[in-house]
């Protein structure tokens, strides 16, 4: 079996099991969160204050959380996930709260059932680590996002997947894995509380370099407008805890990107340059 299909199978099994066990990552939105959904999903204001009537794709986002929150905020929601158990939670939440949610079971890099330029916003929580190649994901997201639309994604940082989950003999966390590795990142040797916050037991995960994440988003047809690293560090936390480890390696990055409104498709960069060669920016590199 090729690496992609092997990863898809392993990770579907992992999330089906997590949903059955009611893992915290599979917890639907609470009533309190649904009462003020936009502040829950957009605390830093990237969405401009209202998404009422927007067409929103919640990508690799099953579990009953994202679909219900964006629906409660007034959006027309489609949720895609590869885990049928996670999507069942979306069905249950939609029925409970009277939301109309389109539910599709497919992988994040195969959105063939969705039309071109269909969405004002694509929301993509942490999941690119579950595929060996993210370029296909970004191409599909670009295809289904309308010009000027937003793609908001969150990813595990490369350094977090490189770094040990416990302090070593010298009292520091250590870089264990090559930045350029192509194989899955090995599972933790010890499944501590911190490890379970940073890795999913049984999942196949890949480290993706910054050029694959940021560069891949840009090359697919987006312009990155903002980037944040959600703060989880706490200097008063105990050694080897999740918050302590976050002091040394930020676990996640959140990216806001906007779909280009100029020529689309794989040759958009060449077409843009040809249309205005005199204004093309010149970039100096050392």
C-alpha atoms as a PDB file:
ATOM      1  CA  UNK A   1       0.000   0.000   0.000  1.00  0.00           C
ATOM      2  CA  UNK A   2       1.342   3.457  -0.879  1.00  0.00           C
ATOM      3  CA  UNK A   3       2.134   5.869   2.001  1.00  0.00           C
ATOM      4  CA  UNK A   4      -0.862   8.134   1.379  1.00  0.00           C
ATOM      5  CA  UNK A   5      -3.450   5.362   1.485  1.00  0.00           C
ATOM      6  CA  UNK A   6      -1.739   3.701   4.441  1.00  0.00           C
ATOM      7  CA  UNK A   7      -1.831   7.000   6.352  1.00  0.00           C
ATOM      8  CA  UNK A   8      -5.480   7.613   5.460  1.00  0.00           C
ATOM      9  CA  UNK A   9      -6.477   4.149   6.670  1.00  0.00           C
ATOM     10  CA  UNK A  10      -4.501   4.396   9.917  1.00  0.00           C
ATOM     11  CA  UNK A  11      -5.749   7.868  10.750  1.00  0.00           C
ATOM     12  CA  UNK A  12      -9.374   7.080   9.976  1.00  0.00           C
ATOM     13  CA  UNK A  13      -9.150   4.141  12.376  1.00  0.00           C
ATOM     14  CA  UNK A  14      -7.500   6.376  14.984  1.00  0.00           C
ATOM     15  CA  UNK A  15     -10.183   9.051  14.842  1.00  0.00           C
ATOM     16  CA  UNK A  16     -13.039   6.554  14.717  1.00  0.00           C
ATOM     17  CA  UNK A  17     -11.631   5.099  17.960  1.00  0.00           C
ATOM     18  CA  UNK A  18     -11.135   8.545  19.498  1.00  0.00           C
ATOM     19  CA  UNK A  19     -14.734   9.485  18.715  1.00  0.00           C
ATOM     20  CA  UNK A  20     -15.979   6.285  20.314  1.00  0.00           C
ATOM     21  CA  UNK A  21     -13.976   7.054  23.465  1.00  0.00           C
ATOM     22  CA  UNK A  22     -15.175  10.690  23.524  1.00  0.00           C
ATOM     23  CA  UNK A  23     -11.622  11.989  23.358  1.00  0.00           C
ATOM     24  CA  UNK A  24     -11.306  15.753  24.103  1.00  0.00           C
ATOM     25  CA  UNK A  25     -10.347  16.329  20.433  1.00  0.00           C
ATOM     26  CA  UNK A  26     -13.725  14.894  19.454  1.00  0.00           C
ATOM     27  CA  UNK A  27     -15.793  17.048  21.768  1.00  0.00           C
ATOM     28  CA  UNK A  28     -18.670  18.959  20.099  1.00  0.00           C
ATOM     29  CA  UNK A  29     -19.221  22.644  20.770  1.00  0.00           C
ATOM     30  CA  UNK A  30     -20.784  23.504  24.114  1.00  0.00           C
ATOM     31  CA  UNK A  31     -23.991  25.474  24.568  1.00  0.00           C
ATOM     32  CA  UNK A  32     -21.961  28.383  25.951  1.00  0.00           C
ATOM     33  CA  UNK A  33     -19.756  28.441  22.858  1.00  0.00           C
ATOM     34  CA  UNK A  34     -22.765  28.231  20.562  1.00  0.00           C
ATOM     35  CA  UNK A  35     -24.310  31.219  22.309  1.00  0.00           C
ATOM     36  CA  UNK A  36     -21.438  33.400  21.052  1.00  0.00           C
ATOM     37  CA  UNK A  37     -20.010  31.371  18.157  1.00  0.00           C
ATOM     38  CA  UNK A  38     -18.040  34.014  16.286  1.00  0.00           C
ATOM     39  CA  UNK A  39     -15.967  35.029  19.290  1.00  0.00           C
ATOM     40  CA  UNK A  40     -15.232  31.341  19.842  1.00  0.00           C
ATOM     41  CA  UNK A  41     -13.990  30.658  16.303  1.00  0.00           C
ATOM     42  CA  UNK A  42     -12.485  34.086  15.604  1.00  0.00           C
ATOM     43  CA  UNK A  43     -11.099  35.647  18.803  1.00  0.00           C
ATOM     44  CA  UNK A  44      -8.580  37.821  16.912  1.00  0.00           C
ATOM     45  CA  UNK A  45     -11.016  39.231  14.351  1.00  0.00           C
ATOM     46  CA  UNK A  46      -9.775  37.733  11.093  1.00  0.00           C
ATOM     47  CA  UNK A  47     -13.343  37.287   9.814  1.00  0.00           C
ATOM     48  CA  UNK A  48     -14.374  40.930  10.100  1.00  0.00           C
ATOM     49  CA  UNK A  49     -17.212  40.668  12.596  1.00  0.00           C
ATOM     50  CA  UNK A  50     -19.831  38.717  10.623  1.00  0.00           C
ATOM     51  CA  UNK A  51     -20.002  35.608   8.440  1.00  0.00           C
ATOM     52  CA  UNK A  52     -23.773  35.596   8.078  1.00  0.00           C
ATOM     53  CA  UNK A  53     -24.667  33.993   4.734  1.00  0.00           C
ATOM     54  CA  UNK A  54     -21.084  32.961   3.952  1.00  0.00           C
ATOM     55  CA  UNK A  55     -20.454  29.611   2.318  1.00  0.00           C
ATOM     56  CA  UNK A  56     -18.018  27.875   4.657  1.00  0.00           C
ATOM     57  CA  UNK A  57     -16.100  24.631   4.194  1.00  0.00           C
ATOM     58  CA  UNK A  58     -14.935  22.998   7.423  1.00  0.00           C
ATOM     59  CA  UNK A  59     -12.133  20.833   6.042  1.00  0.00           C
ATOM     60  CA  UNK A  60     -10.952  17.694   7.866  1.00  0.00           C
ATOM     61  CA  UNK A  61     -13.060  19.127  10.668  1.00  0.00           C
ATOM     62  CA  UNK A  62     -15.524  16.432  11.715  1.00  0.00           C
ATOM     63  CA  UNK A  63     -16.454  16.046  15.357  1.00  0.00           C
ATOM     64  CA  UNK A  64     -19.472  18.301  15.777  1.00  0.00           C
ATOM     65  CA  UNK A  65     -17.525  21.394  16.799  1.00  0.00           C
ATOM     66  CA  UNK A  66     -16.627  23.496  13.768  1.00  0.00           C
ATOM     67  CA  UNK A  67     -19.740  22.763  11.727  1.00  0.00           C
ATOM     68  CA  UNK A  68     -22.063  23.703  14.579  1.00  0.00           C
ATOM     69  CA  UNK A  69     -20.165  26.872  15.518  1.00  0.00           C
ATOM     70  CA  UNK A  70     -20.030  28.239  11.981  1.00  0.00           C
ATOM     71  CA  UNK A  71     -23.671  27.290  11.426  1.00  0.00           C
ATOM     72  CA  UNK A  72     -24.655  29.088  14.621  1.00  0.00           C
ATOM     73  CA  UNK A  73     -22.789  32.155  13.321  1.00  0.00           C
ATOM     74  CA  UNK A  74     -25.071  32.195  10.266  1.00  0.00           C
ATOM     75  CA  UNK A  75     -22.921  30.441   7.659  1.00  0.00           C
ATOM     76  CA  UNK A  76     -23.968  27.837   5.091  1.00  0.00           C
ATOM     77  CA  UNK A  77     -21.706  24.989   6.176  1.00  0.00           C
ATOM     78  CA  UNK A  78     -20.183  21.990   4.437  1.00  0.00           C
ATOM     79  CA  UNK A  79     -18.039  19.683   6.588  1.00  0.00           C
ATOM     80  CA  UNK A  80     -15.529  17.222   5.114  1.00  0.00           C
ATOM     81  CA  UNK A  81     -13.773  14.468   7.034  1.00  0.00           C
ATOM     82  CA  UNK A  82     -12.412  10.987   6.370  1.00  0.00           C
ATOM     83  CA  UNK A  83     -13.701   9.525   9.646  1.00  0.00           C
ATOM     84  CA  UNK A  84     -17.336   8.377   9.544  1.00  0.00           C
ATOM     85  CA  UNK A  85     -17.488   8.358  13.343  1.00  0.00           C
ATOM     86  CA  UNK A  86     -16.416  12.002  13.489  1.00  0.00           C
ATOM     87  CA  UNK A  87     -18.986  12.959  10.859  1.00  0.00           C
ATOM     88  CA  UNK A  88     -21.691  11.204  12.856  1.00  0.00           C
ATOM     89  CA  UNK A  89     -21.046  13.750  15.621  1.00  0.00           C
ATOM     90  CA  UNK A  90     -21.716  16.512  13.085  1.00  0.00           C
ATOM     91  CA  UNK A  91     -24.992  14.868  12.099  1.00  0.00           C
ATOM     92  CA  UNK A  92     -26.034  14.637  15.737  1.00  0.00           C
ATOM     93  CA  UNK A  93     -25.180  18.263  16.473  1.00  0.00           C
ATOM     94  CA  UNK A  94     -26.961  19.497  13.329  1.00  0.00           C
ATOM     95  CA  UNK A  95     -30.103  17.570  14.286  1.00  0.00           C
ATOM     96  CA  UNK A  96     -29.950  18.750  17.900  1.00  0.00           C
ATOM     97  CA  UNK A  97     -29.644  22.431  17.028  1.00  0.00           C
ATOM     98  CA  UNK A  98     -31.629  22.537  13.801  1.00  0.00           C
ATOM     99  CA  UNK A  99     -28.669  23.397  11.569  1.00  0.00           C
ATOM    100  CA  UNK A 100     -28.551  22.529   7.878  1.00  0.00           C
ATOM    101  CA  UNK A 101     -25.081  21.084   7.323  1.00  0.00           C
ATOM    102  CA  UNK A 102     -23.816  19.342   4.196  1.00  0.00           C
ATOM    103  CA  UNK A 103     -21.672  16.359   5.253  1.00  0.00           C
ATOM    104  CA  UNK A 104     -19.141  14.695   2.948  1.00  0.00           C
ATOM    105  CA  UNK A 105     -16.871  11.753   3.740  1.00  0.00           C
ATOM    106  CA  UNK A 106     -13.644  12.151   1.775  1.00  0.00           C
ATOM    107  CA  UNK A 107      -9.972  12.964   2.276  1.00  0.00           C
ATOM    108  CA  UNK A 108      -8.764  16.555   2.529  1.00  0.00           C
ATOM    109  CA  UNK A 109      -6.781  16.237  -0.714  1.00  0.00           C
ATOM    110  CA  UNK A 110      -9.707  14.906  -2.782  1.00  0.00           C
ATOM    111  CA  UNK A 111     -12.582  17.395  -2.968  1.00  0.00           C
ATOM    112  CA  UNK A 112     -13.862  16.221  -6.340  1.00  0.00           C
ATOM    113  CA  UNK A 113     -17.460  16.448  -5.118  1.00  0.00           C
ATOM    114  CA  UNK A 114     -17.161  20.195  -4.568  1.00  0.00           C
ATOM    115  CA  UNK A 115     -17.363  22.781  -7.332  1.00  0.00           C
ATOM    116  CA  UNK A 116     -14.778  25.371  -8.293  1.00  0.00           C
ATOM    117  CA  UNK A 117     -14.901  28.672  -6.373  1.00  0.00           C
ATOM    118  CA  UNK A 118     -17.666  27.378  -4.102  1.00  0.00           C
ATOM    119  CA  UNK A 119     -16.653  28.862  -0.738  1.00  0.00           C
ATOM    120  CA  UNK A 120     -16.113  32.250   0.849  1.00  0.00           C
ATOM    121  CA  UNK A 121     -14.107  30.653   3.657  1.00  0.00           C
ATOM    122  CA  UNK A 122     -12.275  27.368   4.169  1.00  0.00           C
ATOM    123  CA  UNK A 123     -11.540  26.541   7.805  1.00  0.00           C
ATOM    124  CA  UNK A 124      -8.928  23.837   8.292  1.00  0.00           C
ATOM    125  CA  UNK A 125      -7.990  22.746  11.828  1.00  0.00           C
ATOM    126  CA  UNK A 126      -4.804  20.752  12.555  1.00  0.00           C
ATOM    127  CA  UNK A 127      -4.656  17.792  10.155  1.00  0.00           C
ATOM    128  CA  UNK A 128      -2.087  18.330   7.378  1.00  0.00           C
ATOM    129  CA  UNK A 129       0.337  16.254   9.461  1.00  0.00           C
ATOM    130  CA  UNK A 130      -1.749  13.183   8.613  1.00  0.00           C
ATOM    131  CA  UNK A 131      -0.726  13.117   4.939  1.00  0.00           C
ATOM    132  CA  UNK A 132       2.780  12.620   3.503  1.00  0.00           C
ATOM    133  CA  UNK A 133       2.241  15.330   0.859  1.00  0.00           C
ATOM    134  CA  UNK A 134       0.294  18.552   1.472  1.00  0.00           C
ATOM    135  CA  UNK A 135       0.584  20.060  -2.007  1.00  0.00           C
ATOM    136  CA  UNK A 136      -2.570  18.297  -3.174  1.00  0.00           C
ATOM    137  CA  UNK A 137      -4.472  19.626  -0.178  1.00  0.00           C
ATOM    138  CA  UNK A 138      -3.582  23.229  -0.974  1.00  0.00           C
ATOM    139  CA  UNK A 139      -4.379  22.803  -4.672  1.00  0.00           C
ATOM    140  CA  UNK A 140      -7.844  21.504  -3.833  1.00  0.00           C
ATOM    141  CA  UNK A 141      -8.462  24.259  -1.293  1.00  0.00           C
ATOM    142  CA  UNK A 142      -7.438  26.876  -3.875  1.00  0.00           C
ATOM    143  CA  UNK A 143      -9.759  25.347  -6.463  1.00  0.00           C
ATOM    144  CA  UNK A 144     -12.855  25.445  -4.236  1.00  0.00           C
ATOM    145  CA  UNK A 145     -12.187  28.897  -2.714  1.00  0.00           C
ATOM    146  CA  UNK A 146     -13.628  31.863  -4.567  1.00  0.00           C
ATOM    147  CA  UNK A 147     -11.274  34.715  -5.580  1.00  0.00           C
ATOM    148  CA  UNK A 148     -10.858  36.960  -2.568  1.00  0.00           C
ATOM    149  CA  UNK A 149     -12.033  34.195  -0.235  1.00  0.00           C
ATOM    150  CA  UNK A 150     -10.219  33.204   2.948  1.00  0.00           C
ATOM    151  CA  UNK A 151      -8.345  30.061   3.930  1.00  0.00           C
ATOM    152  CA  UNK A 152      -7.686  29.821   7.668  1.00  0.00           C
ATOM    153  CA  UNK A 153      -5.642  26.807   8.652  1.00  0.00           C
ATOM    154  CA  UNK A 154      -3.775  25.510  11.673  1.00  0.00           C
ATOM    155  CA  UNK A 155      -0.835  23.110  11.576  1.00  0.00           C
ATOM    156  CA  UNK A 156       1.599  21.341  13.855  1.00  0.00           C
ATOM    157  CA  UNK A 157       4.889  23.208  13.602  1.00  0.00           C
ATOM    158  CA  UNK A 158       7.908  21.376  12.191  1.00  0.00           C
ATOM    159  CA  UNK A 159      10.004  22.004  15.303  1.00  0.00           C
ATOM    160  CA  UNK A 160       7.318  20.567  17.566  1.00  0.00           C
ATOM    161  CA  UNK A 161       7.306  17.307  15.623  1.00  0.00           C
ATOM    162  CA  UNK A 162      11.117  17.259  15.724  1.00  0.00           C
ATOM    163  CA  UNK A 163      11.431  17.820  19.453  1.00  0.00           C
ATOM    164  CA  UNK A 164      11.373  15.350  22.338  1.00  0.00           C
ATOM    165  CA  UNK A 165       8.303  15.324  24.561  1.00  0.00           C
ATOM    166  CA  UNK A 166      10.323  15.054  27.767  1.00  0.00           C
ATOM    167  CA  UNK A 167      13.441  16.850  28.956  1.00  0.00           C
ATOM    168  CA  UNK A 168      16.682  14.964  28.445  1.00  0.00           C
ATOM    169  CA  UNK A 169      19.583  14.345  30.823  1.00  0.00           C
ATOM    170  CA  UNK A 170      20.803  17.921  30.451  1.00  0.00           C
ATOM    171  CA  UNK A 171      17.453  19.322  31.507  1.00  0.00           C
ATOM    172  CA  UNK A 172      16.456  20.503  28.026  1.00  0.00           C
ATOM    173  CA  UNK A 173      14.185  19.232  25.302  1.00  0.00           C
ATOM    174  CA  UNK A 174      16.105  17.762  22.392  1.00  0.00           C
ATOM    175  CA  UNK A 175      15.809  17.729  18.618  1.00  0.00           C
ATOM    176  CA  UNK A 176      15.258  14.051  17.790  1.00  0.00           C
ATOM    177  CA  UNK A 177      14.220  14.003  14.152  1.00  0.00           C
ATOM    178  CA  UNK A 178      15.624  15.386  10.924  1.00  0.00           C
ATOM    179  CA  UNK A 179      13.920  18.466   9.509  1.00  0.00           C
ATOM    180  CA  UNK A 180      14.037  16.832   6.068  1.00  0.00           C
ATOM    181  CA  UNK A 181      12.673  13.422   7.022  1.00  0.00           C
ATOM    182  CA  UNK A 182      10.140  11.903   4.649  1.00  0.00           C
ATOM    183  CA  UNK A 183       9.071   9.008   6.854  1.00  0.00           C
ATOM    184  CA  UNK A 184       6.356   9.289   9.505  1.00  0.00           C
ATOM    185  CA  UNK A 185       7.459  10.756  12.827  1.00  0.00           C
ATOM    186  CA  UNK A 186       7.842   7.916  15.357  1.00  0.00           C
ATOM    187  CA  UNK A 187       5.267   7.640  18.115  1.00  0.00           C
ATOM    188  CA  UNK A 188       6.288   8.849  21.586  1.00  0.00           C
ATOM    189  CA  UNK A 189       8.030   6.278  23.755  1.00  0.00           C
ATOM    190  CA  UNK A 190       5.959   7.348  26.754  1.00  0.00           C
ATOM    191  CA  UNK A 191       2.336   8.491  26.489  1.00  0.00           C
ATOM    192  CA  UNK A 192       2.298  11.164  29.186  1.00  0.00           C
ATOM    193  CA  UNK A 193      -0.408  13.801  29.582  1.00  0.00           C
ATOM    194  CA  UNK A 194       1.794  16.196  27.600  1.00  0.00           C
ATOM    195  CA  UNK A 195       2.331  13.649  24.838  1.00  0.00           C
ATOM    196  CA  UNK A 196      -1.416  13.179  24.480  1.00  0.00           C
ATOM    197  CA  UNK A 197      -1.850  16.937  24.039  1.00  0.00           C
ATOM    198  CA  UNK A 198       0.745  16.976  21.250  1.00  0.00           C
ATOM    199  CA  UNK A 199       0.260  13.675  19.427  1.00  0.00           C
ATOM    200  CA  UNK A 200      -2.665  11.374  18.648  1.00  0.00           C
ATOM    201  CA  UNK A 201      -2.235   7.797  19.833  1.00  0.00           C
ATOM    202  CA  UNK A 202      -2.178   5.443  16.844  1.00  0.00           C
ATOM    203  CA  UNK A 203      -2.037   8.198  14.217  1.00  0.00           C
ATOM    204  CA  UNK A 204       0.479   8.299  11.365  1.00  0.00           C
ATOM    205  CA  UNK A 205       1.990  11.790  11.308  1.00  0.00           C
ATOM    206  CA  UNK A 206       4.399  13.555   8.984  1.00  0.00           C
ATOM    207  CA  UNK A 207       6.614  16.583   9.541  1.00  0.00           C
ATOM    208  CA  UNK A 208       6.053  19.280   6.921  1.00  0.00           C
ATOM    209  CA  UNK A 209       8.696  21.965   6.431  1.00  0.00           C
ATOM    210  CA  UNK A 210       7.870  25.676   6.374  1.00  0.00           C
ATOM    211  CA  UNK A 211       8.413  25.816   2.625  1.00  0.00           C
ATOM    212  CA  UNK A 212       5.830  23.064   2.222  1.00  0.00           C
ATOM    213  CA  UNK A 213       3.310  24.838   4.471  1.00  0.00           C
ATOM    214  CA  UNK A 214       3.745  28.554   3.801  1.00  0.00           C
ATOM    215  CA  UNK A 215       5.279  28.113   0.367  1.00  0.00           C
ATOM    216  CA  UNK A 216       2.690  25.527  -0.594  1.00  0.00           C
ATOM    217  CA  UNK A 217      -0.184  27.810   0.367  1.00  0.00           C
ATOM    218  CA  UNK A 218       1.314  30.678  -1.641  1.00  0.00           C
ATOM    219  CA  UNK A 219       2.158  28.567  -4.686  1.00  0.00           C
ATOM    220  CA  UNK A 220      -1.379  27.191  -4.809  1.00  0.00           C
ATOM    221  CA  UNK A 221      -2.796  30.692  -5.330  1.00  0.00           C
ATOM    222  CA  UNK A 222      -3.093  32.385  -1.922  1.00  0.00           C
ATOM    223  CA  UNK A 223      -1.476  35.402  -0.315  1.00  0.00           C
ATOM    224  CA  UNK A 224      -0.665  34.985   3.383  1.00  0.00           C
ATOM    225  CA  UNK A 225      -2.067  37.966   5.303  1.00  0.00           C
ATOM    226  CA  UNK A 226      -1.296  36.967   8.882  1.00  0.00           C
ATOM    227  CA  UNK A 227       0.271  34.230  10.986  1.00  0.00           C
ATOM    228  CA  UNK A 228       0.039  33.544  14.698  1.00  0.00           C
ATOM    229  CA  UNK A 229       1.421  30.950  17.085  1.00  0.00           C
ATOM    230  CA  UNK A 230      -1.290  30.244  19.688  1.00  0.00           C
ATOM    231  CA  UNK A 231       0.218  30.756  23.137  1.00  0.00           C
ATOM    232  CA  UNK A 232       0.279  27.685  25.378  1.00  0.00           C
ATOM    233  CA  UNK A 233       3.537  28.312  27.263  1.00  0.00           C
ATOM    234  CA  UNK A 234       3.611  28.876  31.029  1.00  0.00           C
ATOM    235  CA  UNK A 235       6.883  29.646  32.839  1.00  0.00           C
ATOM    236  CA  UNK A 236       5.421  28.434  36.143  1.00  0.00           C
ATOM    237  CA  UNK A 237       4.461  24.996  34.844  1.00  0.00           C
ATOM    238  CA  UNK A 238       6.134  21.780  35.936  1.00  0.00           C
ATOM    239  CA  UNK A 239       8.933  20.252  33.879  1.00  0.00           C
ATOM    240  CA  UNK A 240       7.728  17.875  31.159  1.00  0.00           C
ATOM    241  CA  UNK A 241       4.199  19.282  31.242  1.00  0.00           C
ATOM    242  CA  UNK A 242       2.481  20.455  28.079  1.00  0.00           C
ATOM    243  CA  UNK A 243       2.833  24.139  29.011  1.00  0.00           C
ATOM    244  CA  UNK A 244       6.492  23.700  29.939  1.00  0.00           C
ATOM    245  CA  UNK A 245       7.327  22.020  26.666  1.00  0.00           C
ATOM    246  CA  UNK A 246       5.497  24.825  24.803  1.00  0.00           C
ATOM    247  CA  UNK A 247       8.027  27.300  26.261  1.00  0.00           C
ATOM    248  CA  UNK A 248      10.669  25.701  24.033  1.00  0.00           C
ATOM    249  CA  UNK A 249       8.730  24.606  20.946  1.00  0.00           C
ATOM    250  CA  UNK A 250       5.520  26.301  19.827  1.00  0.00           C
ATOM    251  CA  UNK A 251       3.194  23.397  18.976  1.00  0.00           C
ATOM    252  CA  UNK A 252       0.904  25.082  16.459  1.00  0.00           C
ATOM    253  CA  UNK A 253       0.805  27.799  13.829  1.00  0.00           C
ATOM    254  CA  UNK A 254      -2.375  29.464  12.562  1.00  0.00           C
ATOM    255  CA  UNK A 255      -2.357  31.023   9.083  1.00  0.00           C
ATOM    256  CA  UNK A 256      -4.725  33.473   7.414  1.00  0.00           C
ATOM    257  CA  UNK A 257      -4.483  33.442   3.612  1.00  0.00           C
ATOM    258  CA  UNK A 258      -6.599  35.075   0.897  1.00  0.00           C
ATOM    259  CA  UNK A 259      -7.280  33.615  -2.534  1.00  0.00           C
ATOM    260  CA  UNK A 260      -5.673  35.650  -5.291  1.00  0.00           C
ATOM    261  CA  UNK A 261      -8.087  37.538  -7.515  1.00  0.00           C
ATOM    262  CA  UNK A 262      -5.758  37.521 -10.543  1.00  0.00           C
ATOM    263  CA  UNK A 263      -5.226  34.693 -13.018  1.00  0.00           C
ATOM    264  CA  UNK A 264      -5.779  31.315 -11.375  1.00  0.00           C
ATOM    265  CA  UNK A 265      -4.447  27.866 -12.068  1.00  0.00           C
ATOM    266  CA  UNK A 266      -0.990  26.277 -11.946  1.00  0.00           C
ATOM    267  CA  UNK A 267       0.523  28.912 -14.241  1.00  0.00           C
ATOM    268  CA  UNK A 268      -0.901  31.970 -12.487  1.00  0.00           C
ATOM    269  CA  UNK A 269       2.501  33.301 -11.430  1.00  0.00           C
ATOM    270  CA  UNK A 270       3.867  33.225 -14.974  1.00  0.00           C
ATOM    271  CA  UNK A 271       0.681  34.777 -16.336  1.00  0.00           C
ATOM    272  CA  UNK A 272       0.768  37.591 -13.781  1.00  0.00           C
ATOM    273  CA  UNK A 273       4.404  38.348 -14.548  1.00  0.00           C
ATOM    274  CA  UNK A 274       3.759  38.360 -18.291  1.00  0.00           C
ATOM    275  CA  UNK A 275       0.849  40.768 -17.934  1.00  0.00           C
ATOM    276  CA  UNK A 276       2.893  43.382 -16.043  1.00  0.00           C
ATOM    277  CA  UNK A 277       6.625  42.673 -16.435  1.00  0.00           C
ATOM    278  CA  UNK A 278       7.668  46.245 -15.661  1.00  0.00           C
ATOM    279  CA  UNK A 279       6.024  46.172 -12.241  1.00  0.00           C
ATOM    280  CA  UNK A 280       7.129  42.693 -11.189  1.00  0.00           C
ATOM    281  CA  UNK A 281       8.921  42.983  -7.818  1.00  0.00           C
ATOM    282  CA  UNK A 282      12.624  42.239  -7.684  1.00  0.00           C
ATOM    283  CA  UNK A 283      13.673  40.186  -4.676  1.00  0.00           C
ATOM    284  CA  UNK A 284      17.298  40.139  -3.535  1.00  0.00           C
ATOM    285  CA  UNK A 285      18.530  37.062  -1.698  1.00  0.00           C
ATOM    286  CA  UNK A 286      21.973  36.665  -0.140  1.00  0.00           C
END
